[in-house]
Amino acid sequence: MRPIDMHCDTILKLMNDGNKGLYENDLSVDIKKLKKGNSLAQFFAMWVDLKNGQDPLETCLKMIDRFYIELEKNSSYISLATNYEDIKRNDEKGKISAILTIEEGAAIKGELSNLRNFYRLGARSLTLTWNNVNEIGHPNYYEEFRDKGLTDFGFEVVQEMNRLGMLIDVSHLSDKGFYDVARESKKPFIASHSNSRTMKEHPRNLTDPMIRTLSECGGVMGICFERDFLGDSENARIEDMIRHIKHIKNIGGIEVIALGSDYDGSHPNYEIKNIGEIEKLAYSLKDKGFTEEEIDKIFYKNALRVIKDVL
């Protein structure tokens, strides 16, 4: 069991508190916790909030700088991965792989050149929208945007990400935007941190037809630990995660399920308090009748397959 977690917002928390570092902190993700959880790879999102009035490109570049500073400080334990071979190589050296992602397509400011430059800086996934309309498309956050999809520029972004070999992330994207990506993308895409809308009625979750489509496209969805996407409890409970996993397996098959915790970017009160306790989910899945092979697929094999296919 070597977990790959497809989404955390830890770098933002480090940016907001200069006294915190990646090796050890009081957050849900740090190197000591990743090592305890036997992590194979961690996706680190550079999340840009358009509402804070900052330049999204400049803000994202500053976050990437902090990301690399932390990797350099902790180079004995963690190293950048930009593809499947990097992950294998890092693992052979006993290092965790760090995968750089951007959460909010507005960071490229409507220019494919900025997308390419982020790729050159090591970014390998882009969440096309967050909760705001941007140059690429519309979010699922507001009901009035759910039937509005990608812009013309958004279709260009999908094509260029396919060409470069970047993971297209549709978490936060409108329902129509999801289907626009499914039609346009020639490669598998991901919903890095989204659950089942049938199990919990929330626009951030995927409907059953979406789950089927994502599965048919060879993509994956990361089970998100945000309580509001899981159920009605104040806590992010393992039993709710398993309820979603069972349903998603029935709808799209085991191959479509991955992990996307959203640690350090969601409400606290997790039953799995941090990435170091991720084995709790594995034990619970086993207790509920999931096989070792199915658990391995959820924890890392499905994500690794998509990484190998796309990057």
C-alpha atoms as a PDB file:
ATOM      1  CA  MET A   1       0.000   0.000   0.000  1.00  0.00           C
ATOM      2  CA  ARG A   2       1.812   3.102  -1.301  1.00  0.00           C
ATOM      3  CA  PRO A   3      -0.686   5.988  -1.379  1.00  0.00           C
ATOM      4  CA  ILE A   4      -0.754   8.648  -4.074  1.00  0.00           C
ATOM      5  CA  ASP A   5      -2.804  11.614  -2.875  1.00  0.00           C
ATOM      6  CA  MET A   6      -3.933  13.744  -5.820  1.00  0.00           C
ATOM      7  CA  HIS A   7      -4.693  16.964  -3.951  1.00  0.00           C
ATOM      8  CA  CYS A   8      -3.526  18.989  -0.949  1.00  0.00           C
ATOM      9  CA  ASP A   9      -3.267  22.730  -0.267  1.00  0.00           C
ATOM     10  CA  THR A  10      -0.319  22.554   2.113  1.00  0.00           C
ATOM     11  CA  ILE A  11       1.895  25.004   0.191  1.00  0.00           C
ATOM     12  CA  LEU A  12      -0.687  27.778   0.649  1.00  0.00           C
ATOM     13  CA  LYS A  13      -0.644  27.187   4.411  1.00  0.00           C
ATOM     14  CA  LEU A  14       3.154  27.406   4.369  1.00  0.00           C
ATOM     15  CA  MET A  15       2.914  30.659   2.394  1.00  0.00           C
ATOM     16  CA  ASN A  16       0.543  32.091   4.991  1.00  0.00           C
ATOM     17  CA  ASP A  17       2.812  31.204   7.911  1.00  0.00           C
ATOM     18  CA  GLY A  18       6.510  31.719   7.302  1.00  0.00           C
ATOM     19  CA  ASN A  19       7.384  29.801  10.467  1.00  0.00           C
ATOM     20  CA  LYS A  20       5.999  26.547   9.077  1.00  0.00           C
ATOM     21  CA  GLY A  21       8.007  24.191   6.884  1.00  0.00           C
ATOM     22  CA  LEU A  22       7.341  21.045   4.896  1.00  0.00           C
ATOM     23  CA  TYR A  23       9.484  18.660   6.953  1.00  0.00           C
ATOM     24  CA  GLU A  24       7.403  18.900  10.136  1.00  0.00           C
ATOM     25  CA  ASN A  25       4.399  21.071  10.938  1.00  0.00           C
ATOM     26  CA  ASP A  26       0.996  21.040  12.648  1.00  0.00           C
ATOM     27  CA  LEU A  27      -0.854  20.645   9.336  1.00  0.00           C
ATOM     28  CA  SER A  28      -2.222  17.450   7.781  1.00  0.00           C
ATOM     29  CA  VAL A  29       0.654  17.004   5.331  1.00  0.00           C
ATOM     30  CA  ASP A  30       4.374  17.123   6.020  1.00  0.00           C
ATOM     31  CA  ILE A  31       7.298  14.892   5.150  1.00  0.00           C
ATOM     32  CA  LYS A  32       7.268  13.041   8.478  1.00  0.00           C
ATOM     33  CA  LYS A  33       3.577  12.223   8.035  1.00  0.00           C
ATOM     34  CA  LEU A  34       4.083  11.258   4.377  1.00  0.00           C
ATOM     35  CA  LYS A  35       6.846   8.867   5.450  1.00  0.00           C
ATOM     36  CA  LYS A  36       4.663   7.423   8.211  1.00  0.00           C
ATOM     37  CA  GLY A  37       1.891   6.860   5.669  1.00  0.00           C
ATOM     38  CA  ASN A  38       4.377   5.157   3.284  1.00  0.00           C
ATOM     39  CA  SER A  39       3.415   7.665   0.576  1.00  0.00           C
ATOM     40  CA  LEU A  40       4.583   7.073  -2.967  1.00  0.00           C
ATOM     41  CA  ALA A  41       3.601  10.517  -4.249  1.00  0.00           C
ATOM     42  CA  GLN A  42       1.841  13.684  -3.117  1.00  0.00           C
ATOM     43  CA  PHE A  43       0.242  16.187  -5.482  1.00  0.00           C
ATOM     44  CA  PHE A  44       0.815  19.749  -4.210  1.00  0.00           C
ATOM     45  CA  ALA A  45      -1.702  22.296  -5.497  1.00  0.00           C
ATOM     46  CA  MET A  46      -0.779  25.933  -6.077  1.00  0.00           C
ATOM     47  CA  TRP A  47      -4.210  27.395  -5.305  1.00  0.00           C
ATOM     48  CA  VAL A  48      -4.949  30.943  -6.436  1.00  0.00           C
ATOM     49  CA  ASP A  49      -7.989  32.785  -5.042  1.00  0.00           C
ATOM     50  CA  LEU A  50      -9.128  35.410  -7.544  1.00  0.00           C
ATOM     51  CA  LYS A  51     -11.124  37.214  -4.863  1.00  0.00           C
ATOM     52  CA  ASN A  52      -8.026  38.412  -3.005  1.00  0.00           C
ATOM     53  CA  GLY A  53      -7.253  40.927  -5.763  1.00  0.00           C
ATOM     54  CA  GLN A  54      -3.744  39.651  -6.429  1.00  0.00           C
ATOM     55  CA  ASP A  55      -2.321  38.983  -9.865  1.00  0.00           C
ATOM     56  CA  PRO A  56      -3.043  35.227 -10.343  1.00  0.00           C
ATOM     57  CA  LEU A  57       0.080  34.569 -12.423  1.00  0.00           C
ATOM     58  CA  GLU A  58       2.372  36.385 -10.004  1.00  0.00           C
ATOM     59  CA  THR A  59       0.764  34.712  -6.990  1.00  0.00           C
ATOM     60  CA  CYS A  60       1.136  31.267  -8.541  1.00  0.00           C
ATOM     61  CA  LEU A  61       4.790  31.879  -9.398  1.00  0.00           C
ATOM     62  CA  LYS A  62       5.504  32.879  -5.794  1.00  0.00           C
ATOM     63  CA  MET A  63       3.872  29.671  -4.589  1.00  0.00           C
ATOM     64  CA  ILE A  64       5.929  27.595  -7.007  1.00  0.00           C
ATOM     65  CA  ASP A  65       9.055  29.310  -5.682  1.00  0.00           C
ATOM     66  CA  ARG A  66       8.098  28.317  -2.129  1.00  0.00           C
ATOM     67  CA  PHE A  67       7.376  24.763  -3.316  1.00  0.00           C
ATOM     68  CA  TYR A  68      10.881  24.472  -4.753  1.00  0.00           C
ATOM     69  CA  ILE A  69      12.516  26.052  -1.684  1.00  0.00           C
ATOM     70  CA  GLU A  70      10.867  23.348   0.450  1.00  0.00           C
ATOM     71  CA  LEU A  71      11.987  20.587  -1.933  1.00  0.00           C
ATOM     72  CA  GLU A  72      15.566  21.880  -1.875  1.00  0.00           C
ATOM     73  CA  LYS A  73      15.573  22.064   1.937  1.00  0.00           C
ATOM     74  CA  ASN A  74      14.292  18.476   2.152  1.00  0.00           C
ATOM     75  CA  SER A  75      16.017  16.918  -0.852  1.00  0.00           C
ATOM     76  CA  SER A  76      17.043  13.848   1.129  1.00  0.00           C
ATOM     77  CA  TYR A  77      13.395  12.856   1.551  1.00  0.00           C
ATOM     78  CA  ILE A  78      11.346  14.272  -1.317  1.00  0.00           C
ATOM     79  CA  SER A  79      11.919  15.101  -4.959  1.00  0.00           C
ATOM     80  CA  LEU A  80       9.991  16.504  -7.916  1.00  0.00           C
ATOM     81  CA  ALA A  81       8.335  14.011 -10.275  1.00  0.00           C
ATOM     82  CA  THR A  82       7.131  15.047 -13.711  1.00  0.00           C
ATOM     83  CA  ASN A  83       6.303  11.572 -15.040  1.00  0.00           C
ATOM     84  CA  TYR A  84       6.012   7.887 -14.197  1.00  0.00           C
ATOM     85  CA  GLU A  85       9.758   7.240 -14.604  1.00  0.00           C
ATOM     86  CA  ASP A  86      10.555  10.003 -12.085  1.00  0.00           C
ATOM     87  CA  ILE A  87       8.247   8.395  -9.542  1.00  0.00           C
ATOM     88  CA  LYS A  88       9.959   5.026 -10.027  1.00  0.00           C
ATOM     89  CA  ARG A  89      13.409   6.608  -9.798  1.00  0.00           C
ATOM     90  CA  ASN A  90      12.541   8.579  -6.659  1.00  0.00           C
ATOM     91  CA  ASP A  91      11.075   5.490  -5.018  1.00  0.00           C
ATOM     92  CA  GLU A  92      14.221   3.483  -5.750  1.00  0.00           C
ATOM     93  CA  LYS A  93      16.173   6.216  -3.935  1.00  0.00           C
ATOM     94  CA  GLY A  94      13.793   6.054  -0.981  1.00  0.00           C
ATOM     95  CA  LYS A  95      12.259   9.444  -1.770  1.00  0.00           C
ATOM     96  CA  ILE A  96       8.648  10.586  -1.885  1.00  0.00           C
ATOM     97  CA  SER A  97       7.602  12.124  -5.206  1.00  0.00           C
ATOM     98  CA  ALA A  98       6.182  15.644  -5.223  1.00  0.00           C
ATOM     99  CA  ILE A  99       3.913  16.452  -8.172  1.00  0.00           C
ATOM    100  CA  LEU A 100       3.330  20.139  -8.882  1.00  0.00           C
ATOM    101  CA  THR A 101      -0.221  21.159  -9.806  1.00  0.00           C
ATOM    102  CA  ILE A 102      -2.071  24.454 -10.289  1.00  0.00           C
ATOM    103  CA  GLU A 103      -5.594  24.961  -8.953  1.00  0.00           C
ATOM    104  CA  GLU A 104      -7.267  27.804 -10.868  1.00  0.00           C
ATOM    105  CA  GLY A 105      -6.855  28.173 -14.611  1.00  0.00           C
ATOM    106  CA  ALA A 106      -6.890  31.962 -14.279  1.00  0.00           C
ATOM    107  CA  ALA A 107      -3.208  31.634 -13.320  1.00  0.00           C
ATOM    108  CA  ILE A 108      -2.369  31.415 -17.040  1.00  0.00           C
ATOM    109  CA  LYS A 109      -4.224  34.723 -17.673  1.00  0.00           C
ATOM    110  CA  GLY A 110      -5.688  33.636 -20.994  1.00  0.00           C
ATOM    111  CA  GLU A 111      -2.309  32.889 -22.589  1.00  0.00           C
ATOM    112  CA  LEU A 112      -1.124  29.472 -23.762  1.00  0.00           C
ATOM    113  CA  SER A 113       2.445  30.754 -23.387  1.00  0.00           C
ATOM    114  CA  ASN A 114       1.887  30.938 -19.618  1.00  0.00           C
ATOM    115  CA  LEU A 115       0.578  27.373 -19.626  1.00  0.00           C
ATOM    116  CA  ARG A 116       3.725  26.254 -21.432  1.00  0.00           C
ATOM    117  CA  ASN A 117       5.923  28.171 -19.012  1.00  0.00           C
ATOM    118  CA  PHE A 118       4.206  26.496 -16.037  1.00  0.00           C
ATOM    119  CA  TYR A 119       4.882  23.175 -17.746  1.00  0.00           C
ATOM    120  CA  ARG A 120       8.558  24.148 -18.072  1.00  0.00           C
ATOM    121  CA  LEU A 121       8.573  24.932 -14.348  1.00  0.00           C
ATOM    122  CA  GLY A 122       7.404  21.379 -13.661  1.00  0.00           C
ATOM    123  CA  ALA A 123       3.616  21.748 -13.363  1.00  0.00           C
ATOM    124  CA  ARG A 124       1.889  18.593 -14.573  1.00  0.00           C
ATOM    125  CA  SER A 125      -1.780  19.239 -13.787  1.00  0.00           C
ATOM    126  CA  LEU A 126      -4.141  22.203 -14.047  1.00  0.00           C
ATOM    127  CA  THR A 127      -7.536  22.461 -12.356  1.00  0.00           C
ATOM    128  CA  LEU A 128      -9.308  24.376 -15.120  1.00  0.00           C
ATOM    129  CA  THR A 129     -11.443  26.503 -12.797  1.00  0.00           C
ATOM    130  CA  TRP A 130     -11.859  27.044  -9.098  1.00  0.00           C
ATOM    131  CA  ASN A 131     -15.103  28.675  -7.880  1.00  0.00           C
ATOM    132  CA  ASN A 132     -14.938  31.623 -10.263  1.00  0.00           C
ATOM    133  CA  VAL A 133     -15.508  32.190 -13.962  1.00  0.00           C
ATOM    134  CA  ASN A 134     -12.186  32.532 -15.772  1.00  0.00           C
ATOM    135  CA  GLU A 135     -10.840  32.653 -19.327  1.00  0.00           C
ATOM    136  CA  ILE A 136     -11.088  28.845 -19.613  1.00  0.00           C
ATOM    137  CA  GLY A 137     -14.632  28.166 -18.444  1.00  0.00           C
ATOM    138  CA  HIS A 138     -17.276  28.168 -15.742  1.00  0.00           C
ATOM    139  CA  PRO A 139     -17.330  26.702 -12.211  1.00  0.00           C
ATOM    140  CA  ASN A 140     -19.847  24.326 -10.656  1.00  0.00           C
ATOM    141  CA  TYR A 141     -20.045  26.529  -7.553  1.00  0.00           C
ATOM    142  CA  TYR A 142     -22.908  28.686  -8.840  1.00  0.00           C
ATOM    143  CA  GLU A 143     -26.036  27.032 -10.205  1.00  0.00           C
ATOM    144  CA  GLU A 144     -26.386  29.566 -13.039  1.00  0.00           C
ATOM    145  CA  PHE A 145     -23.051  28.420 -14.505  1.00  0.00           C
ATOM    146  CA  ARG A 146     -23.610  24.647 -14.479  1.00  0.00           C
ATOM    147  CA  ASP A 147     -24.960  24.592 -18.036  1.00  0.00           C
ATOM    148  CA  LYS A 148     -22.154  26.838 -19.299  1.00  0.00           C
ATOM    149  CA  GLY A 149     -18.995  25.035 -20.341  1.00  0.00           C
ATOM    150  CA  LEU A 150     -15.581  25.778 -21.760  1.00  0.00           C
ATOM    151  CA  THR A 151     -14.842  28.963 -23.663  1.00  0.00           C
ATOM    152  CA  ASP A 152     -13.157  28.861 -27.067  1.00  0.00           C
ATOM    153  CA  PHE A 153      -9.896  29.472 -25.236  1.00  0.00           C
ATOM    154  CA  GLY A 154     -10.775  26.625 -22.860  1.00  0.00           C
ATOM    155  CA  PHE A 155     -10.902  24.201 -25.775  1.00  0.00           C
ATOM    156  CA  GLU A 156      -7.460  25.448 -26.846  1.00  0.00           C
ATOM    157  CA  VAL A 157      -6.171  24.803 -23.317  1.00  0.00           C
ATOM    158  CA  VAL A 158      -7.454  21.209 -23.400  1.00  0.00           C
ATOM    159  CA  GLN A 159      -5.757  20.630 -26.756  1.00  0.00           C
ATOM    160  CA  GLU A 160      -2.470  22.141 -25.577  1.00  0.00           C
ATOM    161  CA  MET A 161      -2.502  20.176 -22.313  1.00  0.00           C
ATOM    162  CA  ASN A 162      -2.995  17.006 -24.348  1.00  0.00           C
ATOM    163  CA  ARG A 163      -0.054  17.980 -26.539  1.00  0.00           C
ATOM    164  CA  LEU A 164       2.225  18.831 -23.619  1.00  0.00           C
ATOM    165  CA  GLY A 165       1.220  15.833 -21.519  1.00  0.00           C
ATOM    166  CA  MET A 166      -0.547  17.485 -18.591  1.00  0.00           C
ATOM    167  CA  LEU A 167      -3.378  16.129 -16.463  1.00  0.00           C
ATOM    168  CA  ILE A 168      -6.610  18.030 -17.095  1.00  0.00           C
ATOM    169  CA  ASP A 169      -8.395  18.369 -13.757  1.00  0.00           C
ATOM    170  CA  VAL A 170     -12.183  18.919 -13.840  1.00  0.00           C
ATOM    171  CA  SER A 171     -12.817  19.200 -10.090  1.00  0.00           C
ATOM    172  CA  HIS A 172     -14.614  22.580  -9.657  1.00  0.00           C
ATOM    173  CA  LEU A 173     -15.572  22.697 -13.363  1.00  0.00           C
ATOM    174  CA  SER A 174     -19.223  23.124 -14.392  1.00  0.00           C
ATOM    175  CA  ASP A 175     -21.257  20.098 -15.462  1.00  0.00           C
ATOM    176  CA  LYS A 176     -21.245  21.212 -19.103  1.00  0.00           C
ATOM    177  CA  GLY A 177     -17.535  21.920 -18.876  1.00  0.00           C
ATOM    178  CA  PHE A 178     -16.980  18.344 -17.705  1.00  0.00           C
ATOM    179  CA  TYR A 179     -18.641  16.990 -20.834  1.00  0.00           C
ATOM    180  CA  ASP A 180     -16.787  19.489 -23.033  1.00  0.00           C
ATOM    181  CA  VAL A 181     -13.504  18.093 -21.678  1.00  0.00           C
ATOM    182  CA  ALA A 182     -14.718  14.503 -22.105  1.00  0.00           C
ATOM    183  CA  ARG A 183     -15.488  15.185 -25.777  1.00  0.00           C
ATOM    184  CA  GLU A 184     -12.392  17.249 -26.548  1.00  0.00           C
ATOM    185  CA  SER A 185      -9.601  15.501 -24.652  1.00  0.00           C
ATOM    186  CA  LYS A 186      -7.762  12.751 -26.467  1.00  0.00           C
ATOM    187  CA  LYS A 187      -6.196  11.559 -23.209  1.00  0.00           C
ATOM    188  CA  PRO A 188      -7.600  10.475 -19.832  1.00  0.00           C
ATOM    189  CA  PHE A 189      -8.467  13.316 -17.462  1.00  0.00           C
ATOM    190  CA  ILE A 190      -9.008  13.519 -13.715  1.00  0.00           C
ATOM    191  CA  ALA A 191     -11.304  14.936 -11.049  1.00  0.00           C
ATOM    192  CA  SER A 192      -8.560  15.251  -8.456  1.00  0.00           C
ATOM    193  CA  HIS A 193     -10.819  15.792  -5.420  1.00  0.00           C
ATOM    194  CA  SER A 194     -14.484  15.005  -6.056  1.00  0.00           C
ATOM    195  CA  ASN A 195     -16.991  12.483  -4.684  1.00  0.00           C
ATOM    196  CA  SER A 196     -20.383  11.072  -5.746  1.00  0.00           C
ATOM    197  CA  ARG A 197     -23.327  13.463  -6.116  1.00  0.00           C
ATOM    198  CA  THR A 198     -25.777  10.579  -5.640  1.00  0.00           C
ATOM    199  CA  MET A 199     -24.263   9.864  -2.222  1.00  0.00           C
ATOM    200  CA  LYS A 200     -24.076  13.557  -1.271  1.00  0.00           C
ATOM    201  CA  GLU A 201     -25.976  16.207  -3.232  1.00  0.00           C
ATOM    202  CA  HIS A 202     -23.299  18.826  -3.787  1.00  0.00           C
ATOM    203  CA  PRO A 203     -22.265  20.510  -7.054  1.00  0.00           C
ATOM    204  CA  ARG A 204     -18.596  19.687  -6.377  1.00  0.00           C
ATOM    205  CA  ASN A 205     -19.419  15.990  -6.676  1.00  0.00           C
ATOM    206  CA  LEU A 206     -19.866  13.992  -9.892  1.00  0.00           C
ATOM    207  CA  THR A 207     -23.199  12.598 -11.084  1.00  0.00           C
ATOM    208  CA  ASP A 208     -23.465   8.909 -11.996  1.00  0.00           C
ATOM    209  CA  PRO A 209     -23.344   9.664 -15.760  1.00  0.00           C
ATOM    210  CA  MET A 210     -20.205  11.742 -15.164  1.00  0.00           C
ATOM    211  CA  ILE A 211     -18.588   8.889 -13.235  1.00  0.00           C
ATOM    212  CA  ARG A 212     -19.378   6.485 -16.086  1.00  0.00           C
ATOM    213  CA  THR A 213     -17.987   8.936 -18.641  1.00  0.00           C
ATOM    214  CA  LEU A 214     -14.810   9.516 -16.625  1.00  0.00           C
ATOM    215  CA  SER A 215     -14.333   5.753 -16.347  1.00  0.00           C
ATOM    216  CA  GLU A 216     -14.907   5.239 -20.074  1.00  0.00           C
ATOM    217  CA  CYS A 217     -12.276   7.912 -20.770  1.00  0.00           C
ATOM    218  CA  GLY A 218      -9.762   6.041 -18.603  1.00  0.00           C
ATOM    219  CA  GLY A 219      -9.635   8.763 -15.959  1.00  0.00           C
ATOM    220  CA  VAL A 220      -9.847   8.755 -12.177  1.00  0.00           C
ATOM    221  CA  MET A 221     -11.559  10.700  -9.392  1.00  0.00           C
ATOM    222  CA  GLY A 222      -9.853  11.301  -6.055  1.00  0.00           C
ATOM    223  CA  ILE A 223     -12.000  10.561  -3.009  1.00  0.00           C
ATOM    224  CA  CYS A 224     -12.117  13.889  -1.160  1.00  0.00           C
ATOM    225  CA  PHE A 225     -12.028  14.115   2.642  1.00  0.00           C
ATOM    226  CA  GLU A 226     -13.996  17.392   2.793  1.00  0.00           C
ATOM    227  CA  ARG A 227     -16.940  16.686   5.107  1.00  0.00           C
ATOM    228  CA  ASP A 228     -19.393  18.754   3.008  1.00  0.00           C
ATOM    229  CA  PHE A 229     -18.761  16.473   0.003  1.00  0.00           C
ATOM    230  CA  LEU A 230     -19.081  13.273   2.045  1.00  0.00           C
ATOM    231  CA  GLY A 231     -22.234  13.448   4.153  1.00  0.00           C
ATOM    232  CA  ASP A 232     -24.122  15.378   6.804  1.00  0.00           C
ATOM    233  CA  SER A 233     -21.735  14.894   9.732  1.00  0.00           C
ATOM    234  CA  GLU A 234     -19.556  17.629  11.218  1.00  0.00           C
ATOM    235  CA  ASN A 235     -16.707  15.168  10.796  1.00  0.00           C
ATOM    236  CA  ALA A 236     -15.111  13.645   7.717  1.00  0.00           C
ATOM    237  CA  ARG A 237     -15.970  10.049   8.546  1.00  0.00           C
ATOM    238  CA  ILE A 238     -14.405   6.916   7.082  1.00  0.00           C
ATOM    239  CA  GLU A 239     -17.849   5.269   6.852  1.00  0.00           C
ATOM    240  CA  ASP A 240     -18.976   8.067   4.516  1.00  0.00           C
ATOM    241  CA  MET A 241     -15.845   7.684   2.383  1.00  0.00           C
ATOM    242  CA  ILE A 242     -16.556   3.967   2.025  1.00  0.00           C
ATOM    243  CA  ARG A 243     -20.196   4.674   1.167  1.00  0.00           C
ATOM    244  CA  HIS A 244     -18.988   6.851  -1.725  1.00  0.00           C
ATOM    245  CA  ILE A 245     -16.321   4.352  -2.786  1.00  0.00           C
ATOM    246  CA  LYS A 246     -18.834   1.482  -2.910  1.00  0.00           C
ATOM    247  CA  HIS A 247     -21.249   3.515  -5.008  1.00  0.00           C
ATOM    248  CA  ILE A 248     -18.561   4.770  -7.392  1.00  0.00           C
ATOM    249  CA  LYS A 249     -17.287   1.201  -7.819  1.00  0.00           C
ATOM    250  CA  ASN A 250     -20.813   0.054  -8.728  1.00  0.00           C
ATOM    251  CA  ILE A 251     -21.240   2.876 -11.247  1.00  0.00           C
ATOM    252  CA  GLY A 252     -17.820   3.234 -12.875  1.00  0.00           C
ATOM    253  CA  GLY A 253     -15.794   0.269 -11.674  1.00  0.00           C
ATOM    254  CA  ILE A 254     -12.868   0.076  -9.269  1.00  0.00           C
ATOM    255  CA  GLU A 255     -10.463   1.504 -11.888  1.00  0.00           C
ATOM    256  CA  VAL A 256     -11.968   5.004 -11.656  1.00  0.00           C
ATOM    257  CA  ILE A 257     -11.288   5.490  -7.919  1.00  0.00           C
ATOM    258  CA  ALA A 258      -8.224   7.221  -6.466  1.00  0.00           C
ATOM    259  CA  LEU A 259      -7.411   9.442  -3.469  1.00  0.00           C
ATOM    260  CA  GLY A 260      -7.690  13.242  -3.385  1.00  0.00           C
ATOM    261  CA  SER A 261      -7.748  14.210   0.273  1.00  0.00           C
ATOM    262  CA  ASP A 262      -7.892  18.024  -0.042  1.00  0.00           C
ATOM    263  CA  TYR A 263      -5.870  18.106   3.177  1.00  0.00           C
ATOM    264  CA  ASP A 264      -5.019  21.594   4.424  1.00  0.00           C
ATOM    265  CA  GLY A 265      -7.632  23.053   2.087  1.00  0.00           C
ATOM    266  CA  SER A 266     -10.833  21.738   3.635  1.00  0.00           C
ATOM    267  CA  HIS A 267     -12.667  21.746   6.971  1.00  0.00           C
ATOM    268  CA  PRO A 268     -10.784  19.993   9.800  1.00  0.00           C
ATOM    269  CA  ASN A 269     -12.340  17.262  11.990  1.00  0.00           C
ATOM    270  CA  TYR A 270     -11.047  14.418   9.821  1.00  0.00           C
ATOM    271  CA  GLU A 271     -11.392  10.912  11.209  1.00  0.00           C
ATOM    272  CA  ILE A 272      -8.162  10.290   9.275  1.00  0.00           C
ATOM    273  CA  LYS A 273      -6.420  13.230  10.912  1.00  0.00           C
ATOM    274  CA  ASN A 274      -3.493  13.460   8.508  1.00  0.00           C
ATOM    275  CA  ILE A 275      -1.760  11.668   5.657  1.00  0.00           C
ATOM    276  CA  GLY A 276       0.227   9.615   8.181  1.00  0.00           C
ATOM    277  CA  GLU A 277      -3.003   7.864   9.236  1.00  0.00           C
ATOM    278  CA  ILE A 278      -4.132   6.937   5.712  1.00  0.00           C
ATOM    279  CA  GLU A 279      -3.830   3.220   6.558  1.00  0.00           C
ATOM    280  CA  LYS A 280      -7.062   3.613   8.570  1.00  0.00           C
ATOM    281  CA  LEU A 281      -8.922   3.811   5.263  1.00  0.00           C
ATOM    282  CA  ALA A 282      -7.192   0.709   3.941  1.00  0.00           C
ATOM    283  CA  TYR A 283      -8.063  -1.294   7.056  1.00  0.00           C
ATOM    284  CA  SER A 284     -11.681  -0.150   6.893  1.00  0.00           C
ATOM    285  CA  LEU A 285     -11.959  -1.047   3.210  1.00  0.00           C
ATOM    286  CA  LYS A 286     -10.587  -4.506   3.976  1.00  0.00           C
ATOM    287  CA  ASP A 287     -13.135  -4.910   6.792  1.00  0.00           C
ATOM    288  CA  LYS A 288     -15.891  -4.031   4.295  1.00  0.00           C
ATOM    289  CA  GLY A 289     -14.829  -6.769   1.897  1.00  0.00           C
ATOM    290  CA  PHE A 290     -12.535  -4.968  -0.531  1.00  0.00           C
ATOM    291  CA  THR A 291      -9.660  -7.128  -1.762  1.00  0.00           C
ATOM    292  CA  GLU A 292      -5.977  -6.217  -1.453  1.00  0.00           C
ATOM    293  CA  GLU A 293      -5.850  -5.645  -5.216  1.00  0.00           C
ATOM    294  CA  GLU A 294      -8.867  -3.303  -5.100  1.00  0.00           C
ATOM    295  CA  ILE A 295      -7.346  -1.346  -2.211  1.00  0.00           C
ATOM    296  CA  ASP A 296      -4.047  -1.050  -4.084  1.00  0.00           C
ATOM    297  CA  LYS A 297      -5.907   0.285  -7.126  1.00  0.00           C
ATOM    298  CA  ILE A 298      -7.660   2.916  -5.028  1.00  0.00           C
ATOM    299  CA  PHE A 299      -4.510   3.877  -3.136  1.00  0.00           C
ATOM    300  CA  TYR A 300      -2.046   4.137  -6.007  1.00  0.00           C
ATOM    301  CA  LYS A 301      -2.373   1.849  -9.019  1.00  0.00           C
ATOM    302  CA  ASN A 302      -5.198   3.755 -10.740  1.00  0.00           C
ATOM    303  CA  ALA A 303      -3.505   7.122 -10.274  1.00  0.00           C
ATOM    304  CA  LEU A 304      -0.199   5.667 -11.431  1.00  0.00           C
ATOM    305  CA  ARG A 305      -1.862   4.284 -14.558  1.00  0.00           C
ATOM    306  CA  VAL A 306      -3.201   7.704 -15.527  1.00  0.00           C
ATOM    307  CA  ILE A 307       0.143   9.363 -14.760  1.00  0.00           C
ATOM    308  CA  LYS A 308       1.829   6.827 -17.043  1.00  0.00           C
ATOM    309  CA  ASP A 309      -0.785   7.351 -19.785  1.00  0.00           C
ATOM    310  CA  VAL A 310      -0.725  11.161 -19.781  1.00  0.00           C
ATOM    311  CA  LEU A 311       2.560  12.550 -18.494  1.00  0.00           C
END
